[in-house]
C-alpha atoms as a PDB file:
ATOM      1  CA  MET A   1      -1.968  -2.593   5.350  1.00  0.00           C
ATOM      2  CA  THR A   2      -0.013  -5.128   3.297  1.00  0.00           C
ATOM      3  CA  THR A   3      -1.558  -6.170  -0.010  1.00  0.00           C
ATOM      4  CA  ILE A   4      -0.656  -9.645  -1.272  1.00  0.00           C
ATOM      5  CA  ASP A   5      -1.071 -10.783  -4.875  1.00  0.00           C
ATOM      6  CA  PRO A   6      -1.270 -14.603  -4.854  1.00  0.00           C
ATOM      7  CA  ASN A   7       0.210 -14.667  -8.360  1.00  0.00           C
ATOM      8  CA  ASN A   8       3.403 -12.953  -7.213  1.00  0.00           C
ATOM      9  CA  ILE A   9       4.467 -15.180  -4.308  1.00  0.00           C
ATOM     10  CA  PRO A  10       5.606 -18.824  -4.081  1.00  0.00           C
ATOM     11  CA  SER A  11       2.827 -21.331  -3.444  1.00  0.00           C
ATOM     12  CA  HIS A  12       4.292 -22.491  -0.113  1.00  0.00           C
ATOM     13  CA  ILE A  13       4.177 -18.915   1.233  1.00  0.00           C
ATOM     14  CA  LEU A  14       0.637 -18.412  -0.079  1.00  0.00           C
ATOM     15  CA  HIS A  15      -0.282 -21.672   1.650  1.00  0.00           C
ATOM     16  CA  ARG A  16       0.977 -20.326   4.991  1.00  0.00           C
ATOM     17  CA  TYR A  17      -0.869 -17.034   4.557  1.00  0.00           C
ATOM     18  CA  ILE A  18      -4.198 -18.637   3.677  1.00  0.00           C
ATOM     19  CA  LEU A  19      -4.152 -21.288   6.399  1.00  0.00           C
ATOM     20  CA  SER A  20      -3.241 -18.665   8.995  1.00  0.00           C
ATOM     21  CA  ALA A  21      -6.001 -16.309   7.832  1.00  0.00           C
ATOM     22  CA  VAL A  22      -8.770 -18.856   7.293  1.00  0.00           C
ATOM     23  CA  ALA A  23      -8.920 -20.239  10.818  1.00  0.00           C
ATOM     24  CA  PRO A  24      -9.780 -21.929  13.050  1.00  0.00           C
ATOM     25  CA  ARG A  25     -10.754 -24.863  10.866  1.00  0.00           C
ATOM     26  CA  PRO A  26     -12.476 -28.064  12.030  1.00  0.00           C
ATOM     27  CA  ILE A  27     -10.534 -31.279  11.527  1.00  0.00           C
ATOM     28  CA  ALA A  28     -11.764 -34.250   9.519  1.00  0.00           C
ATOM     29  CA  PHE A  29     -10.041 -37.312  10.925  1.00  0.00           C
ATOM     30  CA  ALA A  30     -10.693 -39.433   7.852  1.00  0.00           C
ATOM     31  CA  SER A  31     -10.690 -43.225   7.892  1.00  0.00           C
ATOM     32  CA  THR A  32     -10.523 -44.947   4.487  1.00  0.00           C
ATOM     33  CA  LEU A  33      -9.666 -48.297   2.906  1.00  0.00           C
ATOM     34  CA  ASP A  34      -7.829 -49.209  -0.278  1.00  0.00           C
ATOM     35  CA  ALA A  35      -9.118 -51.835  -2.697  1.00  0.00           C
ATOM     36  CA  LYS A  36      -7.242 -54.555  -0.784  1.00  0.00           C
ATOM     37  CA  GLY A  37      -8.873 -53.568   2.517  1.00  0.00           C
ATOM     38  CA  ASN A  38      -5.832 -51.856   4.048  1.00  0.00           C
ATOM     39  CA  PRO A  39      -6.954 -49.090   6.456  1.00  0.00           C
ATOM     40  CA  ASN A  40      -5.696 -45.524   6.458  1.00  0.00           C
ATOM     41  CA  LEU A  41      -6.322 -42.784   9.008  1.00  0.00           C
ATOM     42  CA  SER A  42      -5.315 -39.174   8.440  1.00  0.00           C
ATOM     43  CA  PRO A  43      -6.429 -35.685   9.593  1.00  0.00           C
ATOM     44  CA  PHE A  44      -7.391 -32.862   7.223  1.00  0.00           C
ATOM     45  CA  SER A  45      -8.191 -29.326   8.312  1.00  0.00           C
ATOM     46  CA  CYS A  46      -9.487 -28.187   4.932  1.00  0.00           C
ATOM     47  CA  PHE A  47     -12.922 -29.429   5.949  1.00  0.00           C
ATOM     48  CA  ASN A  48     -16.457 -28.260   6.650  1.00  0.00           C
ATOM     49  CA  ALA A  49     -20.192 -28.953   6.331  1.00  0.00           C
ATOM     50  CA  PHE A  50     -22.130 -27.655   3.317  1.00  0.00           C
ATOM     51  CA  GLY A  51     -25.838 -28.353   3.711  1.00  0.00           C
ATOM     52  CA  VAL A  52     -28.155 -31.150   4.786  1.00  0.00           C
ATOM     53  CA  ASN A  53     -30.406 -31.756   1.773  1.00  0.00           C
ATOM     54  CA  PRO A  54     -28.536 -33.811   0.778  1.00  0.00           C
ATOM     55  CA  SER A  55     -26.163 -33.866   3.747  1.00  0.00           C
ATOM     56  CA  THR A  56     -22.799 -32.739   2.434  1.00  0.00           C
ATOM     57  CA  LEU A  57     -19.366 -32.728   4.041  1.00  0.00           C
ATOM     58  CA  ILE A  58     -16.281 -31.767   2.046  1.00  0.00           C
ATOM     59  CA  PHE A  59     -12.624 -32.228   2.921  1.00  0.00           C
ATOM     60  CA  SER A  60      -9.462 -32.004   0.869  1.00  0.00           C
ATOM     61  CA  PRO A  61      -6.489 -34.375   0.891  1.00  0.00           C
ATOM     62  CA  SER A  62      -4.430 -31.939  -1.163  1.00  0.00           C
ATOM     63  CA  ARG A  63      -1.347 -32.761  -3.192  1.00  0.00           C
ATOM     64  CA  THR A  64       1.836 -32.528  -1.163  1.00  0.00           C
ATOM     65  CA  GLY A  65       3.475 -29.139  -1.577  1.00  0.00           C
ATOM     66  CA  ARG A  66       7.025 -30.472  -1.606  1.00  0.00           C
ATOM     67  CA  SER A  67       6.773 -33.493  -3.907  1.00  0.00           C
ATOM     68  CA  ASN A  68       3.333 -33.108  -5.536  1.00  0.00           C
ATOM     69  CA  ALA A  69       2.523 -36.612  -4.282  1.00  0.00           C
ATOM     70  CA  LEU A  70      -1.089 -37.704  -3.876  1.00  0.00           C
ATOM     71  CA  LYS A  71      -2.246 -38.594  -0.359  1.00  0.00           C
ATOM     72  CA  ASP A  72      -3.221 -42.166   0.456  1.00  0.00           C
ATOM     73  CA  THR A  73      -6.645 -40.892   1.506  1.00  0.00           C
ATOM     74  CA  TYR A  74      -7.240 -39.513  -1.984  1.00  0.00           C
ATOM     75  CA  LEU A  75      -6.088 -42.735  -3.634  1.00  0.00           C
ATOM     76  CA  ASN A  76      -8.288 -44.774  -1.288  1.00  0.00           C
ATOM     77  CA  VAL A  77     -11.525 -42.881  -1.903  1.00  0.00           C
ATOM     78  CA  LYS A  78     -10.951 -43.254  -5.636  1.00  0.00           C
ATOM     79  CA  GLU A  79     -10.775 -47.032  -5.128  1.00  0.00           C
ATOM     80  CA  VAL A  80     -13.346 -47.365  -2.328  1.00  0.00           C
ATOM     81  CA  PRO A  81     -15.644 -44.292  -2.346  1.00  0.00           C
ATOM     82  CA  GLU A  82     -16.458 -44.394   1.346  1.00  0.00           C
ATOM     83  CA  VAL A  83     -15.052 -42.629   4.410  1.00  0.00           C
ATOM     84  CA  VAL A  84     -15.645 -42.218   8.126  1.00  0.00           C
ATOM     85  CA  ILE A  85     -15.047 -38.700   9.418  1.00  0.00           C
ATOM     86  CA  ASN A  86     -14.222 -38.748  13.123  1.00  0.00           C
ATOM     87  CA  VAL A  87     -14.216 -35.524  15.165  1.00  0.00           C
ATOM     88  CA  VAL A  88     -11.039 -34.649  17.064  1.00  0.00           C
ATOM     89  CA  THR A  89     -11.114 -33.755  20.752  1.00  0.00           C
ATOM     90  CA  TYR A  90      -8.383 -32.395  22.988  1.00  0.00           C
ATOM     91  CA  SER A  91      -7.945 -35.771  24.701  1.00  0.00           C
ATOM     92  CA  MET A  92      -6.842 -37.371  21.405  1.00  0.00           C
ATOM     93  CA  VAL A  93      -5.031 -34.477  19.712  1.00  0.00           C
ATOM     94  CA  GLU A  94      -1.489 -35.808  20.258  1.00  0.00           C
ATOM     95  CA  GLN A  95      -2.415 -39.173  18.757  1.00  0.00           C
ATOM     96  CA  MET A  96      -4.141 -37.407  15.868  1.00  0.00           C
ATOM     97  CA  ASN A  97      -0.976 -35.414  15.253  1.00  0.00           C
ATOM     98  CA  LEU A  98       1.056 -38.624  15.188  1.00  0.00           C
ATOM     99  CA  ALA A  99      -1.308 -40.089  12.599  1.00  0.00           C
ATOM    100  CA  SER A 100      -0.525 -37.125  10.305  1.00  0.00           C
ATOM    101  CA  ALA A 101       3.080 -38.288   9.834  1.00  0.00           C
ATOM    102  CA  GLU A 102       4.018 -39.357   6.297  1.00  0.00           C
ATOM    103  CA  PHE A 103       4.130 -43.108   6.785  1.00  0.00           C
ATOM    104  CA  GLU A 104       4.802 -45.412   3.852  1.00  0.00           C
ATOM    105  CA  HIS A 105       1.857 -46.527   1.773  1.00  0.00           C
ATOM    106  CA  GLY A 106       0.011 -49.399   3.410  1.00  0.00           C
ATOM    107  CA  VAL A 107       1.028 -48.551   6.987  1.00  0.00           C
ATOM    108  CA  ASP A 108      -1.923 -48.733   9.385  1.00  0.00           C
ATOM    109  CA  GLU A 109      -2.168 -45.402  11.227  1.00  0.00           C
ATOM    110  CA  PHE A 110      -4.674 -46.902  13.654  1.00  0.00           C
ATOM    111  CA  LEU A 111      -1.832 -49.023  14.999  1.00  0.00           C
ATOM    112  CA  LYS A 112       0.878 -46.373  14.695  1.00  0.00           C
ATOM    113  CA  ALA A 113      -1.154 -43.749  16.582  1.00  0.00           C
ATOM    114  CA  GLY A 114      -2.686 -46.164  19.075  1.00  0.00           C
ATOM    115  CA  PHE A 115      -6.321 -45.757  18.076  1.00  0.00           C
ATOM    116  CA  THR A 116      -8.970 -48.479  18.271  1.00  0.00           C
ATOM    117  CA  ALA A 117     -10.552 -49.440  14.944  1.00  0.00           C
ATOM    118  CA  ILE A 118     -14.186 -50.526  15.225  1.00  0.00           C
ATOM    119  CA  PRO A 119     -16.483 -51.694  12.403  1.00  0.00           C
ATOM    120  CA  SER A 120     -18.858 -49.288  10.717  1.00  0.00           C
ATOM    121  CA  GLU A 121     -22.438 -50.242   9.928  1.00  0.00           C
ATOM    122  CA  ARG A 122     -23.066 -48.896   6.417  1.00  0.00           C
ATOM    123  CA  VAL A 123     -19.591 -48.295   4.993  1.00  0.00           C
ATOM    124  CA  ARG A 124     -16.430 -50.367   4.904  1.00  0.00           C
ATOM    125  CA  PRO A 125     -13.822 -48.061   6.535  1.00  0.00           C
ATOM    126  CA  PHE A 126     -13.394 -48.363  10.281  1.00  0.00           C
ATOM    127  CA  ARG A 127     -14.459 -45.860  12.916  1.00  0.00           C
ATOM    128  CA  VAL A 128     -12.190 -44.398  15.595  1.00  0.00           C
ATOM    129  CA  LYS A 129     -13.545 -45.626  18.914  1.00  0.00           C
ATOM    130  CA  GLU A 130     -11.857 -42.788  20.850  1.00  0.00           C
ATOM    131  CA  SER A 131     -13.738 -40.113  18.883  1.00  0.00           C
ATOM    132  CA  PRO A 132     -17.073 -39.116  20.473  1.00  0.00           C
ATOM    133  CA  ILE A 133     -18.714 -38.515  17.079  1.00  0.00           C
ATOM    134  CA  GLN A 134     -18.096 -40.741  14.049  1.00  0.00           C
ATOM    135  CA  ILE A 135     -19.793 -39.929  10.732  1.00  0.00           C
ATOM    136  CA  GLU A 136     -20.129 -42.659   8.119  1.00  0.00           C
ATOM    137  CA  CYS A 137     -20.156 -41.230   4.598  1.00  0.00           C
ATOM    138  CA  ARG A 138     -20.348 -42.260   0.986  1.00  0.00           C
ATOM    139  CA  VAL A 139     -18.231 -40.275  -1.455  1.00  0.00           C
ATOM    140  CA  ARG A 140     -20.421 -38.679  -4.127  1.00  0.00           C
ATOM    141  CA  ASP A 141     -17.655 -37.017  -6.098  1.00  0.00           C
ATOM    142  CA  VAL A 142     -13.998 -36.004  -6.049  1.00  0.00           C
ATOM    143  CA  ILE A 143     -13.099 -32.720  -7.704  1.00  0.00           C
ATOM    144  CA  GLU A 144      -9.442 -32.133  -8.580  1.00  0.00           C
ATOM    145  CA  THR A 145      -8.792 -28.398  -8.613  1.00  0.00           C
ATOM    146  CA  GLY A 146      -5.340 -28.683 -10.193  1.00  0.00           C
ATOM    147  CA  SER A 147      -2.374 -30.923 -10.854  1.00  0.00           C
ATOM    148  CA  GLY A 148       0.478 -29.001  -9.254  1.00  0.00           C
ATOM    149  CA  PRO A 149       1.933 -29.018  -5.715  1.00  0.00           C
ATOM    150  CA  GLY A 150      -0.623 -27.929  -3.137  1.00  0.00           C
ATOM    151  CA  ALA A 151      -3.616 -28.408  -5.449  1.00  0.00           C
ATOM    152  CA  ALA A 152      -6.800 -29.409  -3.648  1.00  0.00           C
ATOM    153  CA  ASN A 153      -8.804 -32.583  -4.163  1.00  0.00           C
ATOM    154  CA  LEU A 154     -12.314 -31.929  -2.892  1.00  0.00           C
ATOM    155  CA  VAL A 155     -13.855 -35.114  -1.523  1.00  0.00           C
ATOM    156  CA  ILE A 156     -17.618 -34.512  -1.483  1.00  0.00           C
ATOM    157  CA  CYS A 157     -19.307 -36.810   1.007  1.00  0.00           C
ATOM    158  CA  GLU A 158     -22.890 -37.668   1.871  1.00  0.00           C
ATOM    159  CA  VAL A 159     -23.636 -38.619   5.464  1.00  0.00           C
ATOM    160  CA  VAL A 160     -25.284 -42.036   5.785  1.00  0.00           C
ATOM    161  CA  LEU A 161     -25.002 -42.631   9.542  1.00  0.00           C
ATOM    162  CA  ILE A 162     -23.836 -40.719  12.629  1.00  0.00           C
ATOM    163  CA  HIS A 163     -22.601 -42.286  15.856  1.00  0.00           C
ATOM    164  CA  ALA A 164     -22.463 -39.969  18.884  1.00  0.00           C
ATOM    165  CA  SER A 165     -21.529 -40.718  22.470  1.00  0.00           C
ATOM    166  CA  ASP A 166     -24.391 -40.302  24.944  1.00  0.00           C
ATOM    167  CA  GLU A 167     -22.197 -37.851  26.884  1.00  0.00           C
ATOM    168  CA  CYS A 168     -22.336 -35.419  23.928  1.00  0.00           C
ATOM    169  CA  PHE A 169     -26.002 -34.534  24.376  1.00  0.00           C
ATOM    170  CA  ASP A 170     -27.718 -31.903  26.494  1.00  0.00           C
ATOM    171  CA  GLU A 171     -31.051 -32.282  28.304  1.00  0.00           C
ATOM    172  CA  ASN A 172     -32.939 -31.313  25.131  1.00  0.00           C
ATOM    173  CA  GLY A 173     -31.358 -34.019  23.011  1.00  0.00           C
ATOM    174  CA  ASN A 174     -29.030 -31.648  21.128  1.00  0.00           C
ATOM    175  CA  ILE A 175     -25.313 -32.201  20.730  1.00  0.00           C
ATOM    176  CA  ASP A 176     -23.689 -29.867  23.255  1.00  0.00           C
ATOM    177  CA  SER A 177     -20.568 -28.275  21.779  1.00  0.00           C
ATOM    178  CA  ALA A 178     -19.373 -27.313  25.244  1.00  0.00           C
ATOM    179  CA  LYS A 179     -19.188 -30.985  26.197  1.00  0.00           C
ATOM    180  CA  LEU A 180     -17.193 -32.092  23.148  1.00  0.00           C
ATOM    181  CA  ASP A 181     -13.910 -30.249  23.856  1.00  0.00           C
ATOM    182  CA  LEU A 182     -13.155 -30.112  20.137  1.00  0.00           C
ATOM    183  CA  VAL A 183      -9.875 -29.014  18.598  1.00  0.00           C
ATOM    184  CA  GLY A 184      -9.461 -26.721  15.584  1.00  0.00           C
ATOM    185  CA  ARG A 185      -6.517 -25.947  13.316  1.00  0.00           C
ATOM    186  CA  LEU A 186      -4.859 -22.586  12.767  1.00  0.00           C
ATOM    187  CA  GLY A 187      -1.729 -21.676  10.832  1.00  0.00           C
ATOM    188  CA  GLY A 188       1.696 -23.239  11.356  1.00  0.00           C
ATOM    189  CA  ASP A 189       1.781 -25.522  14.387  1.00  0.00           C
ATOM    190  CA  LEU A 190      -1.066 -23.748  16.179  1.00  0.00           C
ATOM    191  CA  TYR A 191      -4.326 -25.357  17.280  1.00  0.00           C
ATOM    192  CA  VAL A 192      -7.264 -24.026  19.271  1.00  0.00           C
ATOM    193  CA  ARG A 193      -9.200 -25.807  21.989  1.00  0.00           C
ATOM    194  CA  ALA A 194     -12.947 -25.138  21.805  1.00  0.00           C
ATOM    195  CA  ALA A 195     -13.590 -25.244  25.539  1.00  0.00           C
ATOM    196  CA  GLY A 196     -13.716 -23.040  28.628  1.00  0.00           C
ATOM    197  CA  ASP A 197     -13.198 -19.336  28.044  1.00  0.00           C
ATOM    198  CA  ALA A 198     -12.777 -19.931  24.297  1.00  0.00           C
ATOM    199  CA  LEU A 199     -16.531 -20.546  24.036  1.00  0.00           C
ATOM    200  CA  PHE A 200     -19.030 -17.711  24.027  1.00  0.00           C
ATOM    201  CA  SER A 201     -22.684 -17.375  23.128  1.00  0.00           C
ATOM    202  CA  LEU A 202     -23.832 -14.952  20.434  1.00  0.00           C
ATOM    203  CA  PRO A 203     -27.594 -14.807  19.819  1.00  0.00           C
ATOM    204  CA  LYS A 204     -28.576 -14.171  16.219  1.00  0.00           C
ATOM    205  CA  PRO A 205     -30.078 -10.758  15.366  1.00  0.00           C
ATOM    206  CA  GLU A 206     -33.826 -10.550  15.979  1.00  0.00           C
ATOM    207  CA  GLY A 207     -34.919 -11.266  12.404  1.00  0.00           C
ATOM    208  CA  ARG A 208     -34.946  -8.802   9.521  1.00  0.00           C
ATOM    209  CA  ALA A 209     -36.392  -5.948  11.581  1.00  0.00           C
ATOM    210  CA  VAL A 210     -33.143  -4.995  13.342  1.00  0.00           C
ATOM    211  CA  VAL A 211     -32.386  -1.289  13.366  1.00  0.00           C
ATOM    212  CA  GLY A 212     -28.727  -1.486  12.328  1.00  0.00           C
ATOM    213  CA  VAL A 213     -25.748   0.561  13.479  1.00  0.00           C
ATOM    214  CA  ASP A 214     -26.748   3.423  11.184  1.00  0.00           C
ATOM    215  CA  ALA A 215     -29.829   4.065  13.353  1.00  0.00           C
ATOM    216  CA  LEU A 216     -27.715   4.819  16.431  1.00  0.00           C
ATOM    217  CA  PRO A 217     -27.010   8.419  17.456  1.00  0.00           C
ATOM    218  CA  PHE A 218     -24.028  10.052  15.771  1.00  0.00           C
ATOM    219  CA  LYS A 219     -22.032  10.371  19.007  1.00  0.00           C
ATOM    220  CA  VAL A 220     -22.598   6.695  19.764  1.00  0.00           C
ATOM    221  CA  ARG A 221     -21.380   5.574  16.338  1.00  0.00           C
ATOM    222  CA  LEU A 222     -18.221   7.671  16.721  1.00  0.00           C
ATOM    223  CA  SER A 223     -17.630   6.622  20.327  1.00  0.00           C
ATOM    224  CA  ARG A 224     -14.050   6.409  21.577  1.00  0.00           C
ATOM    225  CA  VAL A 225     -15.156   3.807  24.139  1.00  0.00           C
ATOM    226  CA  LEU A 226     -17.725   1.526  22.492  1.00  0.00           C
ATOM    227  CA  THR A 227     -16.207  -1.116  20.229  1.00  0.00           C
ATOM    228  CA  GLY A 228     -17.498  -2.407  16.924  1.00  0.00           C
ATOM    229  CA  ASN A 229     -18.832  -5.417  18.803  1.00  0.00           C
ATOM    230  CA  ASP A 230     -20.709  -3.121  21.183  1.00  0.00           C
ATOM    231  CA  LEU A 231     -22.262  -1.217  18.272  1.00  0.00           C
ATOM    232  CA  GLY A 232     -23.202  -4.515  16.657  1.00  0.00           C
ATOM    233  CA  ARG A 233     -25.092  -5.522  19.776  1.00  0.00           C
ATOM    234  CA  LEU A 234     -26.922  -2.187  19.972  1.00  0.00           C
ATOM    235  CA  GLY A 235     -27.787  -2.311  16.274  1.00  0.00           C
ATOM    236  CA  SER A 236     -29.326  -5.784  16.653  1.00  0.00           C
ATOM    237  CA  VAL A 237     -32.430  -4.565  18.497  1.00  0.00           C
ATOM    238  CA  LYS A 238     -35.787  -4.651  16.727  1.00  0.00           C
ATOM    239  CA  ALA A 239     -36.630  -0.996  17.314  1.00  0.00           C
ATOM    240  CA  MET A 240     -35.113   2.127  18.761  1.00  0.00           C
ATOM    241  CA  PRO A 241     -36.610   3.436  22.017  1.00  0.00           C
ATOM    242  CA  ASP A 242     -39.432   5.892  21.386  1.00  0.00           C
ATOM    243  CA  MET A 243     -39.722   9.235  23.169  1.00  0.00           C
ATOM    244  CA  LYS A 244     -42.073   7.928  25.860  1.00  0.00           C
ATOM    245  CA  GLU A 245     -39.710   5.059  26.713  1.00  0.00           C
ATOM    246  CA  ILE A 246     -36.807   7.498  26.892  1.00  0.00           C
ATOM    247  CA  GLU A 247     -38.691   9.950  29.101  1.00  0.00           C
ATOM    248  CA  ASP A 248     -39.845   7.158  31.412  1.00  0.00           C
ATOM    249  CA  PHE A 249     -36.255   5.957  31.704  1.00  0.00           C
ATOM    250  CA  LEU A 250     -35.070   9.490  32.508  1.00  0.00           C
ATOM    251  CA  LYS A 251     -37.486   9.588  35.438  1.00  0.00           C
ATOM    252  CA  SER A 252     -36.737   6.072  36.644  1.00  0.00           C
ATOM    253  CA  ASN A 253     -34.767   4.965  39.659  1.00  0.00           C
ATOM    254  CA  GLU A 254     -32.811   2.668  37.354  1.00  0.00           C
ATOM    255  CA  LEU A 255     -31.154   5.615  35.627  1.00  0.00           C
ATOM    256  CA  LYS A 256     -30.364   7.233  38.990  1.00  0.00           C
ATOM    257  CA  LYS A 257     -28.702   4.003  40.132  1.00  0.00           C
ATOM    258  CA  LEU A 258     -26.646   3.761  36.964  1.00  0.00           C
ATOM    259  CA  LEU A 259     -25.464   7.367  37.167  1.00  0.00           C
ATOM    260  CA  ASP A 260     -24.862   7.399  40.918  1.00  0.00           C
ATOM    261  CA  GLY A 261     -21.504   9.015  41.510  1.00  0.00           C
ATOM    262  CA  HIS A 262     -21.038   9.991  37.869  1.00  0.00           C
ATOM    263  CA  LEU A 263     -21.217  13.425  36.320  1.00  0.00           C
ATOM    264  CA  CYS A 264     -23.418  13.422  33.248  1.00  0.00           C
ATOM    265  CA  TYR A 265     -25.060  15.378  30.474  1.00  0.00           C
ATOM    266  CA  TYR A 266     -21.855  17.267  29.601  1.00  0.00           C
ATOM    267  CA  ASP A 267     -19.753  16.725  26.483  1.00  0.00           C
ATOM    268  CA  ASP A 268     -16.608  15.954  28.465  1.00  0.00           C
ATOM    269  CA  GLU A 269     -18.494  13.170  30.264  1.00  0.00           C
ATOM    270  CA  VAL A 270     -19.580  11.342  27.102  1.00  0.00           C
ATOM    271  CA  ASP A 271     -16.828   8.758  27.479  1.00  0.00           C
ATOM    272  CA  GLU A 272     -17.974   8.021  31.013  1.00  0.00           C
ATOM    273  CA  ILE A 273     -21.560   7.428  29.906  1.00  0.00           C
ATOM    274  CA  HIS A 274     -20.336   5.245  27.060  1.00  0.00           C
ATOM    275  CA  SER A 275     -18.222   3.281  29.517  1.00  0.00           C
ATOM    276  CA  LEU A 276     -21.310   2.606  31.633  1.00  0.00           C
ATOM    277  CA  ALA A 277     -23.181   1.496  28.527  1.00  0.00           C
ATOM    278  CA  ARG A 278     -20.306  -0.815  27.587  1.00  0.00           C
ATOM    279  CA  ASP A 279     -20.501  -2.452  31.019  1.00  0.00           C
ATOM    280  CA  LEU A 280     -24.243  -3.008  30.583  1.00  0.00           C
ATOM    281  CA  ILE A 281     -23.677  -4.599  27.176  1.00  0.00           C
ATOM    282  CA  ALA A 282     -21.086  -6.924  28.708  1.00  0.00           C
ATOM    283  CA  GLU A 283     -23.760  -8.018  31.210  1.00  0.00           C
ATOM    284  CA  GLY A 284     -26.255  -8.689  28.409  1.00  0.00           C
ATOM    285  CA  ARG A 285     -28.368  -5.625  29.289  1.00  0.00           C
ATOM    286  CA  ASP A 286     -28.386  -4.239  25.757  1.00  0.00           C
ATOM    287  CA  ARG A 287     -31.742  -2.458  25.953  1.00  0.00           C
ATOM    288  CA  GLU A 288     -30.739  -0.663  29.140  1.00  0.00           C
ATOM    289  CA  ALA A 289     -27.458   0.361  27.526  1.00  0.00           C
ATOM    290  CA  LEU A 290     -29.298   1.793  24.555  1.00  0.00           C
ATOM    291  CA  LEU A 291     -31.763   3.610  26.811  1.00  0.00           C
ATOM    292  CA  LEU A 292     -28.886   5.031  28.855  1.00  0.00           C
ATOM    293  CA  LEU A 293     -27.228   6.362  25.720  1.00  0.00           C
ATOM    294  CA  MET A 294     -30.433   7.769  24.266  1.00  0.00           C
ATOM    295  CA  ALA A 295     -31.695   9.238  27.550  1.00  0.00           C
ATOM    296  CA  THR A 296     -28.457  11.010  28.449  1.00  0.00           C
ATOM    297  CA  GLU A 297     -28.115  12.396  24.925  1.00  0.00           C
ATOM    298  CA  HIS A 298     -31.718  13.590  24.982  1.00  0.00           C
ATOM    299  CA  ALA A 299     -31.256  15.195  28.401  1.00  0.00           C
ATOM    300  CA  GLY A 300     -28.068  16.858  27.202  1.00  0.00           C
END
């Protein structure tokens, strides 16, 4: 493993390392105005949400690494402490990328990138019509973390109004991430599309009463077949099977079906049993997988 001391490498290399490691990052497509009312539109991937009481979004228009110049977005929020954060979808990612070019001060990126500027209701900067979710914010504070190239300027925003396309919602009235087709930022020129096979569901552990990986049998924890993810799933159950549940499973037709055609109960067949358990976990049958592992170990 390579160990990197941030104090011993140039800042531009550290920048590449950090942005490649801390990823994917959501993108704040930030719309601002200067004191004269000139619009600016620029994307920032150093961005996230940080609570709802009060609602807090933070993004960073950092100092330019090459010239140490301040971004127009930073200068604008110092003059007019308001911003609209527009989410970025795959259908607008090329235009968003164009808007990130270093245009001269005062150039309207809405026009350059071909976006439609529409009025906001509670703040002065415009919204991006093409974005399915537009978040009007007031800037509560700006924290400058340094004065050198690459230093961050944390723009701390409070949400005052959210506009969301009707197509974003599911039947329960929640915003459906699968419908948004959002785009995230990685290192270098890489992006990620949050759609299709990139999406997966991961239920939270069942409260504080989960058993943990340490409660699993020794052979299971040291399995050559089960992955760390598999062990995490097994350790997320509320309770381990008791002896009656194990004995009932040993006598059940379900176990016979699972083991049909497989040798079992012998040390050299442990991998095969673990492979069956892994398949059950992949199907979402975690309890059955755990019972299979416990029952075959008990029988052995």
